Structures are given as structure tokens and as C-alpha cells.
């Protein structure tokens, strides 16, 4: 599966447009991560627990998007974007979406 943020893949032709595909995950913060984040806010520095959480969330949302694209016969997803939003206090959604296509 080819994944790109471009609207096309250089050297490839789009033979079929299959439409929007998406994947999302909702994650909540871990108490331990919150405690460490509070300490880091005082002294500064990277919030590694949150960095890991966001990386895991992006991977999961991307895998769900790829599974949806594969199920409708796509071999590529173009113009991929990511979005985040707060769902509830302490819980956020990470949303991945793009255009499923068949490339020759």
C-alpha cells in the first residue's frame, strides 16, 4: 500500500478513484504520564510519555485507514492528513484520512 501526503504519485497513473478512507483512535492519558508531565511543566523538557502516546495513536489510526482502503480494493492512499480533537476531559481522538485510489 502506497501512502503519501501528495495528491499523486510521481510516475504512476490513477486508474480508479475509490473515495475517502479514514481511521481513528480515542486514547486517554495515563495517570503516571500526567504526573511526569506536571513535573516537566515546572522544569521544562520533552513529555516523552505523550510523544509515545501520540506515535502509537498515529500508527493505529493509519493502520485502520489502510485496512479500510484495502477492503475496497485500493493499492494507495493519497493526500493523507491527520487531525486531533478532545472527546472528553483526558481523552483525545486522533483521526487519519485520505483518498483511496488504484494506481497502475
Protein backbone atom coordinates (compact mmCIF):
# COMPACT_ATOMS: atom_id res chain seq x y z
CA UNK A 1 0.00 0.00 0.00
CA UNK A 2 1.46 3.33 -1.07
CA UNK A 3 0.81 6.13 1.41
CA UNK A 4 1.53 9.76 0.61
CA UNK A 5 0.60 13.29 1.54
CA UNK A 6 0.86 14.22 -2.15
CA UNK A 7 -2.17 14.39 -4.46
CA UNK A 8 -0.45 11.99 -6.87
CA UNK A 9 2.44 9.53 -7.02
CA UNK A 10 5.14 10.58 -9.48
CA UNK A 11 5.40 8.13 -12.37
CA UNK A 12 2.08 6.42 -11.56
CA UNK A 13 -1.36 6.94 -13.09
CA UNK A 14 -4.59 6.85 -11.11
CA UNK A 15 -6.87 4.30 -12.77
CA UNK A 16 -9.68 4.34 -10.22
CA UNK A 17 -10.83 6.79 -7.54
CA UNK A 18 -12.44 4.98 -4.60
CA UNK A 19 -13.12 7.92 -2.28
CA UNK A 20 -12.43 8.89 1.30
CA UNK A 21 -10.95 6.38 3.72
CA UNK A 22 -10.40 7.03 7.39
CA UNK A 23 -9.17 5.60 10.63
CA UNK A 24 -9.31 6.88 14.17
CA UNK A 25 -8.48 6.02 17.73
CA UNK A 26 -9.50 7.61 21.01
CA UNK A 27 -6.94 7.48 23.78
CA UNK A 28 -6.91 8.65 27.36
CA UNK A 29 -3.98 9.87 29.37
CA UNK A 30 -2.23 7.59 31.84
CA UNK A 31 -2.02 8.80 35.46
CA UNK A 32 1.74 8.19 35.52
CA UNK A 33 2.17 10.23 32.35
CA UNK A 34 0.15 13.07 33.88
CA UNK A 35 2.36 13.13 36.98
CA UNK A 36 5.53 13.25 34.89
CA UNK A 37 4.01 15.90 32.63
CA UNK A 38 3.34 18.06 35.67
CA UNK A 39 6.98 17.79 36.73
CA UNK A 40 8.19 18.54 33.18
CA UNK A 41 5.95 21.63 33.06
CA UNK A 42 7.87 23.01 36.02
CA UNK A 43 11.37 22.20 34.78
CA UNK A 44 10.81 22.02 31.01
CA UNK A 45 11.68 19.29 28.56
CA UNK A 46 10.01 16.79 26.26
CA UNK A 47 6.96 14.96 27.53
CA UNK A 48 8.14 11.55 26.32
CA UNK A 49 5.08 9.70 27.61
CA UNK A 50 2.82 11.91 25.50
CA UNK A 51 5.14 11.65 22.50
CA UNK A 52 4.88 7.85 22.72
CA UNK A 53 1.10 8.04 23.13
CA UNK A 54 0.74 10.21 20.01
CA UNK A 55 3.06 7.99 17.96
CA UNK A 56 1.05 4.89 18.96
CA UNK A 57 -2.20 6.69 18.15
CA UNK A 58 -0.97 7.80 14.70
CA UNK A 59 0.15 4.26 13.90
CA UNK A 60 -3.17 2.75 15.00
CA UNK A 61 -5.27 5.30 13.07
CA UNK A 62 -3.11 4.80 9.97
CA UNK A 63 -3.44 1.01 10.16
CA UNK A 64 -7.24 1.32 10.42
CA UNK A 65 -7.30 3.66 7.43
CA UNK A 66 -5.12 1.24 5.42
CA UNK A 67 -7.42 -1.67 6.33
CA UNK A 68 -10.45 0.25 5.08
CA UNK A 69 -8.66 1.14 1.83
CA UNK A 70 -7.58 -2.45 1.27
CA UNK A 71 -11.14 -3.69 1.87
CA UNK A 72 -12.42 -1.58 -1.04
CA UNK A 73 -9.62 -2.59 -3.41
CA UNK A 74 -7.21 0.35 -3.15
CA UNK A 75 -3.47 -0.02 -3.54
CA UNK A 76 -2.68 3.56 -2.50
CA UNK A 77 -3.93 6.37 -0.28
CA UNK A 78 -3.23 9.92 -1.43
CA UNK A 79 -3.38 13.31 0.27
CA UNK A 80 -3.21 11.82 3.78
CA UNK A 81 -3.95 14.16 6.67
CA UNK A 82 -4.10 13.84 10.45
CA UNK A 83 -6.36 15.65 12.88
CA UNK A 84 -6.81 15.62 16.64
CA UNK A 85 -9.68 16.65 18.88
CA UNK A 86 -10.68 16.43 22.51
CA UNK A 87 -13.51 13.98 23.11
CA UNK A 88 -13.76 14.27 26.89
CA UNK A 89 -11.55 15.51 29.70
CA UNK A 90 -8.38 13.45 29.48
CA UNK A 91 -9.33 11.71 26.20
CA UNK A 92 -8.45 12.71 22.65
CA UNK A 93 -9.17 11.37 19.19
CA UNK A 94 -6.52 11.05 16.52
CA UNK A 95 -8.09 10.87 13.05
CA UNK A 96 -6.29 9.91 9.81
CA UNK A 97 -7.92 10.32 6.41
CA UNK A 98 -7.05 10.32 2.74
CA UNK A 99 -8.22 9.42 -0.76
CA UNK A 100 -8.18 5.73 -1.71
CA UNK A 101 -7.16 5.04 -5.30
CA UNK A 102 -5.94 2.29 -7.59
CA UNK A 103 -2.63 3.07 -9.28
CA UNK A 104 -1.30 1.28 -12.35
